[in-house]
Amino acid sequence: MPTYMQKNKTSFYQGQSGRESDVPKLQRIVALVPAAGSGSRFGANQPKQLSTVLGVPMITLSVNILLEHPAVQAVYVVLAPQDTTTESVLPTHPKLQTLKVGGNSRQASVCNGLEAIVSREEGAWVMVHDAARPGLTHAMLDRLIAIAIDHPVGGILAMPVSDTLKRACVEDIREGSQTPNIEKTISRTGLWAAQTPQMFRCPDLLRALKKAQESASEVTDEASAMEAIGLQPCLVMGSLRNWKITYATDLKMVETLMSLDI
């Protein structure tokens, strides 16, 4: 069976006449990059997204790959209200807009960003992408878009878990142990590690995140908010290259993967 992109290759990217404005509203795809956090676990004296990967600020790399994809019609970067430094490393591009509505958590920043754009992007699909995943490629975006856009809910990039998983003893964790005992081994069957982008219809995702806020539920990604309202997004194969930089030690690994083009 032909995929959506095979069936609609011309109109999917540019519209029948080759103009962005011809893309039907229902097919419009935009990206939202939350970048209002401090990245405290990274341990740097500046926001994590400003740290360089292969000599370029990681947020610049993450935003550029979205701007350069022909199916992405707009890229919104959510910044903290007082942030002027991050804005200075972003490219000048007609597709790019910064939104200084960042909150005190990723969940709040994404929700605030969606509220700021939903009136103009009501019929659009939105791909939420971590600024700290500079290894994203167009091939990954192609896979996600081709599958998620034909799915009733949407989808996320992810990878099957390959390591053996151990659950640490809760009491040891509460006591602050750096070497907690093992409580049990968790079966990795059916387990996937979530990545980004995570792609959903803009109003649906905003509704799910607002519901989580109203119930004081903390969701760690967009897919978990959708799951909480009874929806089942699909999993689309990601890549180790799309690893999230959380700690300083992650940076060298991602640089190596990107330099080897893995």
C-alpha atoms as a PDB file:
ATOM      1  CA  MET A   1       0.000   0.000   0.000  1.00  0.00           C
ATOM      2  CA  PRO A   2       1.488   3.414  -0.941  1.00  0.00           C
ATOM      3  CA  THR A   3       2.317   5.722   1.929  1.00  0.00           C
ATOM      4  CA  TYR A   4       0.809   9.172   2.427  1.00  0.00           C
ATOM      5  CA  MET A   5       3.994  10.781   1.169  1.00  0.00           C
ATOM      6  CA  GLN A   6       4.102   8.587  -1.943  1.00  0.00           C
ATOM      7  CA  LYS A   7       0.471   9.380  -2.718  1.00  0.00           C
ATOM      8  CA  ASN A   8       0.781  13.115  -2.020  1.00  0.00           C
ATOM      9  CA  LYS A   9       4.452  13.896  -2.489  1.00  0.00           C
ATOM     10  CA  THR A  10       4.016  17.223  -4.286  1.00  0.00           C
ATOM     11  CA  SER A  11       1.166  18.646  -2.226  1.00  0.00           C
ATOM     12  CA  PHE A  12       2.598  17.274   1.009  1.00  0.00           C
ATOM     13  CA  TYR A  13       5.726  19.378   0.761  1.00  0.00           C
ATOM     14  CA  GLN A  14       4.817  22.466  -1.205  1.00  0.00           C
ATOM     15  CA  GLY A  15       1.307  22.445  -2.579  1.00  0.00           C
ATOM     16  CA  GLN A  16       0.244  21.852  -6.177  1.00  0.00           C
ATOM     17  CA  SER A  17       1.696  25.118  -7.421  1.00  0.00           C
ATOM     18  CA  GLY A  18       4.854  24.801  -5.341  1.00  0.00           C
ATOM     19  CA  ARG A  19       3.878  27.533  -2.892  1.00  0.00           C
ATOM     20  CA  GLU A  20       3.854  26.911   0.852  1.00  0.00           C
ATOM     21  CA  SER A  21       0.480  28.662   1.170  1.00  0.00           C
ATOM     22  CA  ASP A  22      -1.141  25.982  -1.007  1.00  0.00           C
ATOM     23  CA  VAL A  23      -0.556  23.261   1.591  1.00  0.00           C
ATOM     24  CA  PRO A  24      -4.039  22.379   2.919  1.00  0.00           C
ATOM     25  CA  LYS A  25      -4.492  23.549   6.514  1.00  0.00           C
ATOM     26  CA  LEU A  26      -5.128  19.992   7.735  1.00  0.00           C
ATOM     27  CA  GLN A  27      -1.748  18.925   6.334  1.00  0.00           C
ATOM     28  CA  ARG A  28       0.200  21.850   7.758  1.00  0.00           C
ATOM     29  CA  ILE A  29       3.115  20.746   9.923  1.00  0.00           C
ATOM     30  CA  VAL A  30       4.909  22.991  12.388  1.00  0.00           C
ATOM     31  CA  ALA A  31       7.547  22.381  15.048  1.00  0.00           C
ATOM     32  CA  LEU A  32       7.737  23.573  18.651  1.00  0.00           C
ATOM     33  CA  VAL A  33      11.071  23.531  20.502  1.00  0.00           C
ATOM     34  CA  PRO A  34      10.845  24.112  24.278  1.00  0.00           C
ATOM     35  CA  ALA A  35      14.090  25.770  25.400  1.00  0.00           C
ATOM     36  CA  ALA A  36      13.254  27.560  28.640  1.00  0.00           C
ATOM     37  CA  GLY A  37      15.016  25.193  31.043  1.00  0.00           C
ATOM     38  CA  SER A  38      18.352  25.669  32.744  1.00  0.00           C
ATOM     39  CA  GLY A  39      19.658  22.124  32.229  1.00  0.00           C
ATOM     40  CA  SER A  40      20.800  21.852  35.854  1.00  0.00           C
ATOM     41  CA  ARG A  41      21.823  18.185  35.513  1.00  0.00           C
ATOM     42  CA  PHE A  42      24.231  19.152  32.741  1.00  0.00           C
ATOM     43  CA  GLY A  43      26.329  21.104  35.224  1.00  0.00           C
ATOM     44  CA  ALA A  44      27.364  24.049  33.042  1.00  0.00           C
ATOM     45  CA  ASN A  45      27.400  27.735  33.983  1.00  0.00           C
ATOM     46  CA  GLN A  46      25.006  28.563  31.143  1.00  0.00           C
ATOM     47  CA  PRO A  47      21.765  27.070  29.803  1.00  0.00           C
ATOM     48  CA  LYS A  48      22.479  23.589  28.425  1.00  0.00           C
ATOM     49  CA  GLN A  49      21.147  24.423  24.968  1.00  0.00           C
ATOM     50  CA  LEU A  50      23.972  26.929  24.498  1.00  0.00           C
ATOM     51  CA  SER A  51      26.680  24.287  24.926  1.00  0.00           C
ATOM     52  CA  THR A  52      28.383  23.468  21.641  1.00  0.00           C
ATOM     53  CA  VAL A  53      28.244  20.228  19.688  1.00  0.00           C
ATOM     54  CA  LEU A  54      30.897  20.018  16.969  1.00  0.00           C
ATOM     55  CA  GLY A  55      31.497  23.732  17.535  1.00  0.00           C
ATOM     56  CA  VAL A  56      27.860  24.828  17.155  1.00  0.00           C
ATOM     57  CA  PRO A  57      25.328  25.551  19.947  1.00  0.00           C
ATOM     58  CA  MET A  58      23.149  22.461  20.243  1.00  0.00           C
ATOM     59  CA  ILE A  59      19.929  24.441  19.969  1.00  0.00           C
ATOM     60  CA  THR A  60      21.143  25.937  16.672  1.00  0.00           C
ATOM     61  CA  LEU A  61      21.650  22.431  15.266  1.00  0.00           C
ATOM     62  CA  SER A  62      18.296  21.203  16.561  1.00  0.00           C
ATOM     63  CA  VAL A  63      16.405  24.176  15.136  1.00  0.00           C
ATOM     64  CA  ASN A  64      18.247  24.211  11.801  1.00  0.00           C
ATOM     65  CA  ILE A  65      17.359  20.618  10.922  1.00  0.00           C
ATOM     66  CA  LEU A  66      13.679  21.488  11.396  1.00  0.00           C
ATOM     67  CA  LEU A  67      13.927  24.738   9.424  1.00  0.00           C
ATOM     68  CA  GLU A  68      15.616  22.956   6.525  1.00  0.00           C
ATOM     69  CA  HIS A  69      12.974  20.230   6.177  1.00  0.00           C
ATOM     70  CA  PRO A  70      10.550  21.093   3.360  1.00  0.00           C
ATOM     71  CA  ALA A  71       7.490  19.656   5.136  1.00  0.00           C
ATOM     72  CA  VAL A  72       7.922  21.888   8.190  1.00  0.00           C
ATOM     73  CA  GLN A  73       6.214  25.213   7.523  1.00  0.00           C
ATOM     74  CA  ALA A  74       7.042  27.000  10.797  1.00  0.00           C
ATOM     75  CA  VAL A  75       9.342  26.509  13.776  1.00  0.00           C
ATOM     76  CA  TYR A  76       8.454  28.041  17.147  1.00  0.00           C
ATOM     77  CA  VAL A  77      11.102  28.168  19.890  1.00  0.00           C
ATOM     78  CA  VAL A  78       9.796  28.640  23.437  1.00  0.00           C
ATOM     79  CA  LEU A  79      12.176  30.683  25.596  1.00  0.00           C
ATOM     80  CA  ALA A  80      12.083  31.971  29.155  1.00  0.00           C
ATOM     81  CA  PRO A  81      10.695  35.545  29.255  1.00  0.00           C
ATOM     82  CA  GLN A  82      14.039  36.997  30.388  1.00  0.00           C
ATOM     83  CA  ASP A  83      16.212  35.004  27.955  1.00  0.00           C
ATOM     84  CA  THR A  84      18.069  37.080  25.376  1.00  0.00           C
ATOM     85  CA  THR A  85      21.180  34.921  25.055  1.00  0.00           C
ATOM     86  CA  THR A  86      19.545  31.880  23.455  1.00  0.00           C
ATOM     87  CA  GLU A  87      17.758  34.070  20.948  1.00  0.00           C
ATOM     88  CA  SER A  88      21.112  35.455  19.810  1.00  0.00           C
ATOM     89  CA  VAL A  89      22.365  32.039  18.632  1.00  0.00           C
ATOM     90  CA  LEU A  90      19.239  31.203  16.630  1.00  0.00           C
ATOM     91  CA  PRO A  91      19.364  31.629  12.850  1.00  0.00           C
ATOM     92  CA  THR A  92      17.491  34.362  11.047  1.00  0.00           C
ATOM     93  CA  HIS A  93      14.872  32.556   9.004  1.00  0.00           C
ATOM     94  CA  PRO A  94      11.363  33.404   7.749  1.00  0.00           C
ATOM     95  CA  LYS A  95      10.004  30.155   9.210  1.00  0.00           C
ATOM     96  CA  LEU A  96      11.375  30.866  12.705  1.00  0.00           C
ATOM     97  CA  GLN A  97       9.592  32.635  15.540  1.00  0.00           C
ATOM     98  CA  THR A  98      10.530  32.833  19.224  1.00  0.00           C
ATOM     99  CA  LEU A  99       7.871  32.732  21.931  1.00  0.00           C
ATOM    100  CA  LYS A 100       8.950  34.126  25.307  1.00  0.00           C
ATOM    101  CA  VAL A 101       6.332  32.233  27.259  1.00  0.00           C
ATOM    102  CA  GLY A 102       8.479  29.529  28.873  1.00  0.00           C
ATOM    103  CA  GLY A 103       7.267  28.082  32.158  1.00  0.00           C
ATOM    104  CA  ASN A 104       8.920  26.427  35.146  1.00  0.00           C
ATOM    105  CA  SER A 105       8.772  22.956  33.568  1.00  0.00           C
ATOM    106  CA  ARG A 106       8.895  21.410  30.111  1.00  0.00           C
ATOM    107  CA  GLN A 107       5.198  20.594  30.413  1.00  0.00           C
ATOM    108  CA  ALA A 108       4.345  24.221  31.193  1.00  0.00           C
ATOM    109  CA  SER A 109       6.571  25.569  28.408  1.00  0.00           C
ATOM    110  CA  VAL A 110       5.016  23.322  25.766  1.00  0.00           C
ATOM    111  CA  CYS A 111       1.512  24.122  26.995  1.00  0.00           C
ATOM    112  CA  ASN A 112       2.210  27.873  26.990  1.00  0.00           C
ATOM    113  CA  GLY A 113       3.756  27.653  23.538  1.00  0.00           C
ATOM    114  CA  LEU A 114       0.771  25.782  22.131  1.00  0.00           C
ATOM    115  CA  GLU A 115      -1.623  28.307  23.666  1.00  0.00           C
ATOM    116  CA  ALA A 116       0.322  31.087  21.930  1.00  0.00           C
ATOM    117  CA  ILE A 117       0.019  29.493  18.477  1.00  0.00           C
ATOM    118  CA  VAL A 118      -3.209  27.454  18.543  1.00  0.00           C
ATOM    119  CA  SER A 119      -5.372  30.200  17.050  1.00  0.00           C
ATOM    120  CA  ARG A 120      -3.170  30.362  13.940  1.00  0.00           C
ATOM    121  CA  GLU A 121      -2.279  26.647  13.858  1.00  0.00           C
ATOM    122  CA  GLU A 122      -5.631  25.148  14.826  1.00  0.00           C
ATOM    123  CA  GLY A 123      -5.605  22.598  11.995  1.00  0.00           C
ATOM    124  CA  ALA A 124      -1.878  21.895  12.066  1.00  0.00           C
ATOM    125  CA  TRP A 125       0.196  18.980  13.207  1.00  0.00           C
ATOM    126  CA  VAL A 126       2.845  20.041  15.709  1.00  0.00           C
ATOM    127  CA  MET A 127       6.131  18.243  16.247  1.00  0.00           C
ATOM    128  CA  VAL A 128       7.584  18.933  19.694  1.00  0.00           C
ATOM    129  CA  HIS A 129      11.351  18.470  19.660  1.00  0.00           C
ATOM    130  CA  ASP A 130      13.965  18.682  22.417  1.00  0.00           C
ATOM    131  CA  ALA A 131      16.589  21.380  21.938  1.00  0.00           C
ATOM    132  CA  ALA A 132      19.035  18.876  23.466  1.00  0.00           C
ATOM    133  CA  ARG A 133      18.659  16.375  20.596  1.00  0.00           C
ATOM    134  CA  PRO A 134      20.932  17.903  17.934  1.00  0.00           C
ATOM    135  CA  GLY A 135      21.442  14.554  16.169  1.00  0.00           C
ATOM    136  CA  LEU A 136      18.028  14.570  14.494  1.00  0.00           C
ATOM    137  CA  THR A 137      18.135  13.987  10.714  1.00  0.00           C
ATOM    138  CA  HIS A 138      15.779  14.518   7.795  1.00  0.00           C
ATOM    139  CA  ALA A 139      15.517  10.748   7.354  1.00  0.00           C
ATOM    140  CA  MET A 140      14.121  10.449  10.893  1.00  0.00           C
ATOM    141  CA  LEU A 141      11.693  13.291  10.226  1.00  0.00           C
ATOM    142  CA  ASP A 142      10.600  11.657   6.982  1.00  0.00           C
ATOM    143  CA  ARG A 143       9.806   8.392   8.815  1.00  0.00           C
ATOM    144  CA  LEU A 144       7.887  10.123  11.570  1.00  0.00           C
ATOM    145  CA  ILE A 145       5.842  12.353   9.280  1.00  0.00           C
ATOM    146  CA  ALA A 146       4.988   9.575   6.824  1.00  0.00           C
ATOM    147  CA  ILE A 147       3.598   7.343   9.579  1.00  0.00           C
ATOM    148  CA  ALA A 148       2.184   9.803  12.131  1.00  0.00           C
ATOM    149  CA  ILE A 149       0.226  11.903   9.651  1.00  0.00           C
ATOM    150  CA  ASP A 150      -1.854   8.859   8.639  1.00  0.00           C
ATOM    151  CA  HIS A 151      -2.345   7.723  12.253  1.00  0.00           C
ATOM    152  CA  PRO A 152      -5.567   8.667  14.091  1.00  0.00           C
ATOM    153  CA  VAL A 153      -3.598  10.059  17.064  1.00  0.00           C
ATOM    154  CA  GLY A 154      -0.031  10.772  15.977  1.00  0.00           C
ATOM    155  CA  GLY A 155       3.315   9.287  16.873  1.00  0.00           C
ATOM    156  CA  ILE A 156       6.757   9.676  18.347  1.00  0.00           C
ATOM    157  CA  LEU A 157      10.291   8.664  17.513  1.00  0.00           C
ATOM    158  CA  ALA A 158      11.494   5.965  19.892  1.00  0.00           C
ATOM    159  CA  MET A 159      13.834   2.987  20.114  1.00  0.00           C
ATOM    160  CA  PRO A 160      13.326  -0.510  21.541  1.00  0.00           C
ATOM    161  CA  VAL A 161      15.101  -0.933  24.870  1.00  0.00           C
ATOM    162  CA  SER A 162      18.083  -3.270  24.483  1.00  0.00           C
ATOM    163  CA  ASP A 163      19.669  -3.149  27.952  1.00  0.00           C
ATOM    164  CA  THR A 164      18.621  -5.347  30.856  1.00  0.00           C
ATOM    165  CA  LEU A 165      16.638  -3.129  33.241  1.00  0.00           C
ATOM    166  CA  LYS A 166      16.954  -3.216  37.029  1.00  0.00           C
ATOM    167  CA  ARG A 167      14.617  -1.580  39.522  1.00  0.00           C
ATOM    168  CA  ALA A 168      16.479  -0.128  42.514  1.00  0.00           C
ATOM    169  CA  CYS A 169      15.147  -0.591  46.037  1.00  0.00           C
ATOM    170  CA  VAL A 170      12.912   2.352  46.889  1.00  0.00           C
ATOM    171  CA  GLU A 171      14.202   2.614  50.463  1.00  0.00           C
ATOM    172  CA  ASP A 172      17.796   2.877  49.244  1.00  0.00           C
ATOM    173  CA  ILE A 173      16.806   5.658  46.854  1.00  0.00           C
ATOM    174  CA  ARG A 174      14.962   7.536  49.614  1.00  0.00           C
ATOM    175  CA  GLU A 175      18.040   7.339  51.789  1.00  0.00           C
ATOM    176  CA  GLY A 176      20.137   8.832  49.008  1.00  0.00           C
ATOM    177  CA  SER A 177      22.261   5.760  48.347  1.00  0.00           C
ATOM    178  CA  GLN A 178      24.615   6.054  45.384  1.00  0.00           C
ATOM    179  CA  THR A 179      24.814   2.239  45.194  1.00  0.00           C
ATOM    180  CA  PRO A 180      21.241   1.052  45.810  1.00  0.00           C
ATOM    181  CA  ASN A 181      20.438  -2.642  45.939  1.00  0.00           C
ATOM    182  CA  ILE A 182      18.473  -4.289  43.137  1.00  0.00           C
ATOM    183  CA  GLU A 183      14.806  -4.892  43.922  1.00  0.00           C
ATOM    184  CA  LYS A 184      14.094  -6.855  40.744  1.00  0.00           C
ATOM    185  CA  THR A 185      14.790  -7.172  37.038  1.00  0.00           C
ATOM    186  CA  ILE A 186      12.244  -5.594  34.695  1.00  0.00           C
ATOM    187  CA  SER A 187      11.366  -7.389  31.489  1.00  0.00           C
ATOM    188  CA  ARG A 188      12.325  -5.265  28.480  1.00  0.00           C
ATOM    189  CA  THR A 189       9.803  -7.039  26.242  1.00  0.00           C
ATOM    190  CA  GLY A 190       7.714  -4.389  24.516  1.00  0.00           C
ATOM    191  CA  LEU A 191       9.618  -1.487  26.110  1.00  0.00           C
ATOM    192  CA  TRP A 192      10.729   1.454  23.978  1.00  0.00           C
ATOM    193  CA  ALA A 193      12.724   4.530  24.990  1.00  0.00           C
ATOM    194  CA  ALA A 194      10.912   7.692  23.892  1.00  0.00           C
ATOM    195  CA  GLN A 195      12.666  10.304  21.774  1.00  0.00           C
ATOM    196  CA  THR A 196      11.497  13.426  19.969  1.00  0.00           C
ATOM    197  CA  PRO A 197       9.992  14.841  17.841  1.00  0.00           C
ATOM    198  CA  GLN A 198       6.571  13.823  19.101  1.00  0.00           C
ATOM    199  CA  MET A 199       3.896  14.680  16.562  1.00  0.00           C
ATOM    200  CA  PHE A 200       0.221  15.365  17.293  1.00  0.00           C
ATOM    201  CA  ARG A 201      -2.531  17.686  16.155  1.00  0.00           C
ATOM    202  CA  CYS A 202      -2.025  21.031  17.854  1.00  0.00           C
ATOM    203  CA  PRO A 203      -5.446  21.379  19.567  1.00  0.00           C
ATOM    204  CA  ASP A 204      -5.443  17.723  20.686  1.00  0.00           C
ATOM    205  CA  LEU A 205      -2.063  18.056  22.365  1.00  0.00           C
ATOM    206  CA  LEU A 206      -3.016  21.336  24.024  1.00  0.00           C
ATOM    207  CA  ARG A 207      -6.187  19.735  25.379  1.00  0.00           C
ATOM    208  CA  ALA A 208      -4.209  16.793  26.773  1.00  0.00           C
ATOM    209  CA  LEU A 209      -1.619  19.017  28.459  1.00  0.00           C
ATOM    210  CA  LYS A 210      -4.275  21.268  29.972  1.00  0.00           C
ATOM    211  CA  LYS A 211      -6.044  18.205  31.328  1.00  0.00           C
ATOM    212  CA  ALA A 212      -2.791  17.102  32.962  1.00  0.00           C
ATOM    213  CA  GLN A 213      -2.344  20.547  34.512  1.00  0.00           C
ATOM    214  CA  GLU A 214      -5.895  20.577  35.849  1.00  0.00           C
ATOM    215  CA  SER A 215      -5.397  17.203  37.512  1.00  0.00           C
ATOM    216  CA  ALA A 216      -1.940  18.192  38.798  1.00  0.00           C
ATOM    217  CA  SER A 217      -0.467  15.264  36.856  1.00  0.00           C
ATOM    218  CA  GLU A 218       3.176  15.576  35.893  1.00  0.00           C
ATOM    219  CA  VAL A 219       3.772  14.233  32.401  1.00  0.00           C
ATOM    220  CA  THR A 220       7.333  13.746  31.217  1.00  0.00           C
ATOM    221  CA  ASP A 221       6.599  13.947  27.502  1.00  0.00           C
ATOM    222  CA  GLU A 222       3.781  14.823  25.122  1.00  0.00           C
ATOM    223  CA  ALA A 223       2.869  11.202  24.401  1.00  0.00           C
ATOM    224  CA  SER A 224       2.186  10.507  28.081  1.00  0.00           C
ATOM    225  CA  ALA A 225      -0.264  13.436  28.131  1.00  0.00           C
ATOM    226  CA  MET A 226      -2.085  11.938  25.143  1.00  0.00           C
ATOM    227  CA  GLU A 227      -2.088   8.511  26.808  1.00  0.00           C
ATOM    228  CA  ALA A 228      -3.619  10.049  29.935  1.00  0.00           C
ATOM    229  CA  ILE A 229      -6.735  11.058  27.969  1.00  0.00           C
ATOM    230  CA  GLY A 230      -7.116   7.559  26.571  1.00  0.00           C
ATOM    231  CA  LEU A 231      -5.300   7.895  23.245  1.00  0.00           C
ATOM    232  CA  GLN A 232      -2.618   5.571  21.853  1.00  0.00           C
ATOM    233  CA  PRO A 233       0.117   7.236  19.767  1.00  0.00           C
ATOM    234  CA  CYS A 234       2.287   5.050  17.560  1.00  0.00           C
ATOM    235  CA  LEU A 235       5.996   4.326  17.915  1.00  0.00           C
ATOM    236  CA  VAL A 236       8.272   5.153  14.972  1.00  0.00           C
ATOM    237  CA  MET A 237      11.854   3.899  14.872  1.00  0.00           C
ATOM    238  CA  GLY A 238      14.314   6.571  15.942  1.00  0.00           C
ATOM    239  CA  SER A 239      18.095   6.355  16.172  1.00  0.00           C
ATOM    240  CA  LEU A 240      20.870   6.255  18.746  1.00  0.00           C
ATOM    241  CA  ARG A 241      22.181   9.405  17.051  1.00  0.00           C
ATOM    242  CA  ASN A 242      19.050  11.172  18.328  1.00  0.00           C
ATOM    243  CA  TRP A 243      20.202  10.713  21.943  1.00  0.00           C
ATOM    244  CA  LYS A 244      19.189  13.453  24.360  1.00  0.00           C
ATOM    245  CA  ILE A 245      22.079  15.350  25.932  1.00  0.00           C
ATOM    246  CA  THR A 246      21.267  15.409  29.639  1.00  0.00           C
ATOM    247  CA  TYR A 247      24.679  15.131  31.262  1.00  0.00           C
ATOM    248  CA  ALA A 248      28.025  16.548  30.144  1.00  0.00           C
ATOM    249  CA  THR A 249      29.218  13.001  29.370  1.00  0.00           C
ATOM    250  CA  ASP A 250      26.422  12.644  26.787  1.00  0.00           C
ATOM    251  CA  LEU A 251      27.859  15.462  24.706  1.00  0.00           C
ATOM    252  CA  LYS A 252      30.978  13.608  23.563  1.00  0.00           C
ATOM    253  CA  MET A 253      28.959  10.526  22.679  1.00  0.00           C
ATOM    254  CA  VAL A 254      26.532  12.524  20.516  1.00  0.00           C
ATOM    255  CA  GLU A 255      29.430  14.372  18.872  1.00  0.00           C
ATOM    256  CA  THR A 256      31.000  11.037  17.976  1.00  0.00           C
ATOM    257  CA  LEU A 257      27.755   9.638  16.547  1.00  0.00           C
ATOM    258  CA  MET A 258      27.184  12.789  14.503  1.00  0.00           C
ATOM    259  CA  SER A 259      30.777  13.017  13.218  1.00  0.00           C
ATOM    260  CA  LEU A 260      30.626   9.367  12.110  1.00  0.00           C
ATOM    261  CA  ASP A 261      27.199  10.031  10.545  1.00  0.00           C
ATOM    262  CA  ILE A 262      25.690   7.079  12.418  1.00  0.00           C
END
